């Protein structure tokens, strides 16, 4: 009796493993990618795509200090931007964090859920800011204008760093 039960149990394990292994072969990952300005995005990737991304981000991390230096030099050489500060405070090399492996359907659901969560957080933050705004004083208006200018300068600096990073990555081994 025990041997029949044992054979049935082993057959069940073999069939279960046979059913699971093809699913693992088609596995994908949900990857959180943090860009230069520390903004997250989510992608569903295969193992091969993940390996390519890992290699690209490692190369970018190695070249990031040189790209920032080249961007700063270009910023200071430009007539349009030389009198404005080069904003590097909010810049960091790109990072990624994989989660998985998952089935294709499960990975898409997880990525969509993460995107929805981020959108809801941003929406709630915007509502909170809008709710606190009443009539701006002149001091508050100037402060808001300075913050907007600072954000624009940071975005321009990030674009310039990304451009130099792409150029360096093309020539890097």
Protein backbone atom coordinates (compact mmCIF):
# COMPACT_ATOMS: atom_id res chain seq x y z
CA UNK A 1 0.00 0.00 0.00
CA UNK A 2 2.80 2.42 0.90
CA UNK A 3 4.64 1.73 -2.36
CA UNK A 4 1.51 2.49 -4.41
CA UNK A 5 1.00 5.71 -2.45
CA UNK A 6 4.67 6.58 -2.87
CA UNK A 7 4.51 5.94 -6.65
CA UNK A 8 1.39 8.11 -6.91
CA UNK A 9 3.06 10.88 -4.92
CA UNK A 10 6.22 10.75 -7.08
CA UNK A 11 4.15 10.74 -10.27
CA UNK A 12 2.29 13.79 -8.98
CA UNK A 13 5.59 15.57 -8.26
CA UNK A 14 6.92 14.74 -11.72
CA UNK A 15 3.74 15.97 -13.41
CA UNK A 16 3.75 19.10 -11.27
CA UNK A 17 7.38 19.79 -12.11
CA UNK A 18 6.66 19.20 -15.80
CA UNK A 19 3.83 21.73 -15.60
CA UNK A 20 5.90 24.32 -13.72
CA UNK A 21 9.16 24.13 -15.71
CA UNK A 22 7.74 25.42 -19.01
CA UNK A 23 6.13 28.28 -17.11
CA UNK A 24 9.53 29.15 -15.62
CA UNK A 25 11.03 29.16 -19.11
CA UNK A 26 8.52 31.85 -20.11
CA UNK A 27 9.11 33.86 -16.97
CA UNK A 28 9.42 37.62 -17.01
CA UNK A 29 10.45 40.21 -14.45
CA UNK A 30 8.91 43.44 -13.26
CA UNK A 31 11.77 45.94 -13.27
CA UNK A 32 11.70 49.24 -11.41
CA UNK A 33 14.00 51.68 -13.21
CA UNK A 34 15.03 54.87 -11.43
CA UNK A 35 16.18 57.56 -13.87
CA UNK A 36 18.68 60.40 -13.43
CA UNK A 37 16.15 62.58 -11.59
CA UNK A 38 15.12 59.72 -9.29
CA UNK A 39 11.77 59.14 -11.01
CA UNK A 40 10.60 55.52 -11.11
CA UNK A 41 9.23 53.70 -14.12
CA UNK A 42 8.15 50.08 -14.40
CA UNK A 43 8.74 47.63 -17.23
CA UNK A 44 8.09 43.96 -17.84
CA UNK A 45 11.23 42.29 -19.19
CA UNK A 46 12.50 38.86 -20.11
CA UNK A 47 15.69 37.49 -18.61
CA UNK A 48 17.67 38.49 -21.72
CA UNK A 49 16.32 42.05 -21.68
CA UNK A 50 17.13 42.26 -17.97
CA UNK A 51 20.72 41.18 -18.64
CA UNK A 52 21.06 43.86 -21.36
CA UNK A 53 19.64 46.51 -19.03
CA UNK A 54 21.99 45.44 -16.24
CA UNK A 55 25.02 45.75 -18.54
CA UNK A 56 23.86 49.14 -19.86
CA UNK A 57 23.22 50.54 -16.36
CA UNK A 58 26.56 49.25 -15.07
CA UNK A 59 28.29 51.02 -17.97
CA UNK A 60 26.33 54.21 -17.26
CA UNK A 61 27.21 54.05 -13.56
CA UNK A 62 30.88 53.76 -14.45
CA UNK A 63 30.66 56.71 -16.87
CA UNK A 64 28.34 58.90 -14.75
CA UNK A 65 31.03 61.07 -13.07
CA UNK A 66 32.68 61.79 -16.43
CA UNK A 67 29.31 62.64 -17.99
CA UNK A 68 28.51 65.07 -15.16
CA UNK A 69 31.91 66.73 -15.56
CA UNK A 70 31.46 67.04 -19.34
CA UNK A 71 27.92 68.39 -18.90
CA UNK A 72 29.12 70.95 -16.33
CA UNK A 73 31.86 72.07 -18.72
CA UNK A 74 29.36 72.41 -21.59
CA UNK A 75 26.92 74.26 -19.27
CA UNK A 76 29.57 76.77 -18.27
CA UNK A 77 30.74 77.22 -21.88
CA UNK A 78 27.24 77.96 -23.20
CA UNK A 79 26.27 81.62 -23.40
CA UNK A 80 22.68 80.76 -22.50
CA UNK A 81 23.45 78.93 -19.27
CA UNK A 82 26.83 80.12 -17.98
CA UNK A 83 25.26 82.64 -15.58
CA UNK A 84 22.88 80.02 -14.09
CA UNK A 85 23.89 77.38 -11.53
CA UNK A 86 24.39 73.80 -12.74
CA UNK A 87 21.95 71.73 -10.66
CA UNK A 88 23.49 68.38 -9.70
CA UNK A 89 21.79 68.01 -6.32
CA UNK A 90 18.92 65.93 -7.68
CA UNK A 91 20.96 63.83 -10.10
CA UNK A 92 22.06 60.23 -9.62
CA UNK A 93 23.10 57.40 -11.91
CA UNK A 94 20.25 55.22 -13.14
CA UNK A 95 19.37 52.19 -11.02
CA UNK A 96 17.15 49.19 -11.46
CA UNK A 97 15.52 46.64 -9.19
CA UNK A 98 14.09 43.44 -10.67
CA UNK A 99 11.26 41.50 -9.07
CA UNK A 100 10.32 38.04 -10.15
CA UNK A 101 10.28 35.80 -12.04
CA UNK A 102 6.57 35.87 -12.74
CA UNK A 103 4.28 34.67 -15.47
CA UNK A 104 3.64 37.22 -18.22
CA UNK A 105 0.11 37.93 -16.99
CA UNK A 106 1.11 38.25 -13.34
CA UNK A 107 4.02 40.58 -14.21
CA UNK A 108 1.75 42.88 -16.23
CA UNK A 109 -0.71 43.05 -13.34
CA UNK A 110 2.06 43.88 -10.87
CA UNK A 111 3.48 46.61 -13.13
CA UNK A 112 0.03 48.13 -13.67
CA UNK A 113 -0.63 48.07 -9.92
CA UNK A 114 2.66 49.87 -9.24
CA UNK A 115 1.90 52.49 -11.90
CA UNK A 116 -1.59 53.05 -10.46
CA UNK A 117 -0.15 53.39 -6.96
CA UNK A 118 2.36 56.02 -8.11
CA UNK A 119 -0.29 57.93 -10.06
CA UNK A 120 -2.60 57.92 -7.04
CA UNK A 121 0.21 59.15 -4.77
CA UNK A 122 1.05 61.98 -7.21
CA UNK A 123 -2.63 62.89 -7.57
CA UNK A 124 -3.13 63.00 -3.80
CA UNK A 125 -0.01 65.15 -3.39
CA UNK A 126 -1.29 67.54 -6.06
CA UNK A 127 -4.68 67.74 -4.31
CA UNK A 128 -2.98 68.48 -1.01
CA UNK A 129 -0.92 71.27 -2.60
CA UNK A 130 -3.99 72.69 -4.34
CA UNK A 131 -6.01 72.55 -1.12
CA UNK A 132 -3.46 74.54 0.84
CA UNK A 133 -3.18 77.28 -1.79
CA UNK A 134 -5.32 80.24 -1.11
CA UNK A 135 -4.23 83.67 -2.11
CA UNK A 136 -0.47 83.76 -2.56
CA UNK A 137 1.42 86.56 -0.96
CA UNK A 138 4.11 88.29 -2.99
CA UNK A 139 6.77 86.46 -0.97
CA UNK A 140 5.14 83.08 -1.62
CA UNK A 141 4.76 83.86 -5.33
CA UNK A 142 8.47 84.69 -5.60
CA UNK A 143 9.37 81.54 -3.71
CA UNK A 144 7.18 79.47 -6.02
CA UNK A 145 8.79 81.13 -9.04
CA UNK A 146 12.29 80.35 -7.70
CA UNK A 147 11.30 76.73 -7.10
CA UNK A 148 9.94 76.43 -10.65
CA UNK A 149 13.15 77.92 -12.06
CA UNK A 150 15.23 75.55 -9.94
CA UNK A 151 13.20 72.57 -11.16
CA UNK A 152 13.60 73.69 -14.78
CA UNK A 153 17.37 74.10 -14.35
CA UNK A 154 17.58 70.63 -12.79
CA UNK A 155 15.64 69.16 -15.70
CA UNK A 156 17.88 70.91 -18.23
CA UNK A 157 20.98 69.70 -16.39
CA UNK A 158 19.62 66.13 -16.37
CA UNK A 159 19.01 66.27 -20.13
CA UNK A 160 22.54 67.52 -20.71
CA UNK A 161 24.05 64.82 -18.47
CA UNK A 162 21.97 62.16 -20.26
CA UNK A 163 23.21 63.43 -23.63
CA UNK A 164 26.84 63.24 -22.52
CA UNK A 165 26.22 59.85 -20.89
CA UNK A 166 24.80 58.49 -24.16
CA UNK A 167 27.78 59.88 -26.09
CA UNK A 168 30.26 58.33 -23.66
CA UNK A 169 28.41 54.99 -23.66
CA UNK A 170 28.64 54.79 -27.46
CA UNK A 171 32.42 55.13 -27.37
CA UNK A 172 32.97 52.99 -24.24
CA UNK A 173 34.05 49.35 -24.63
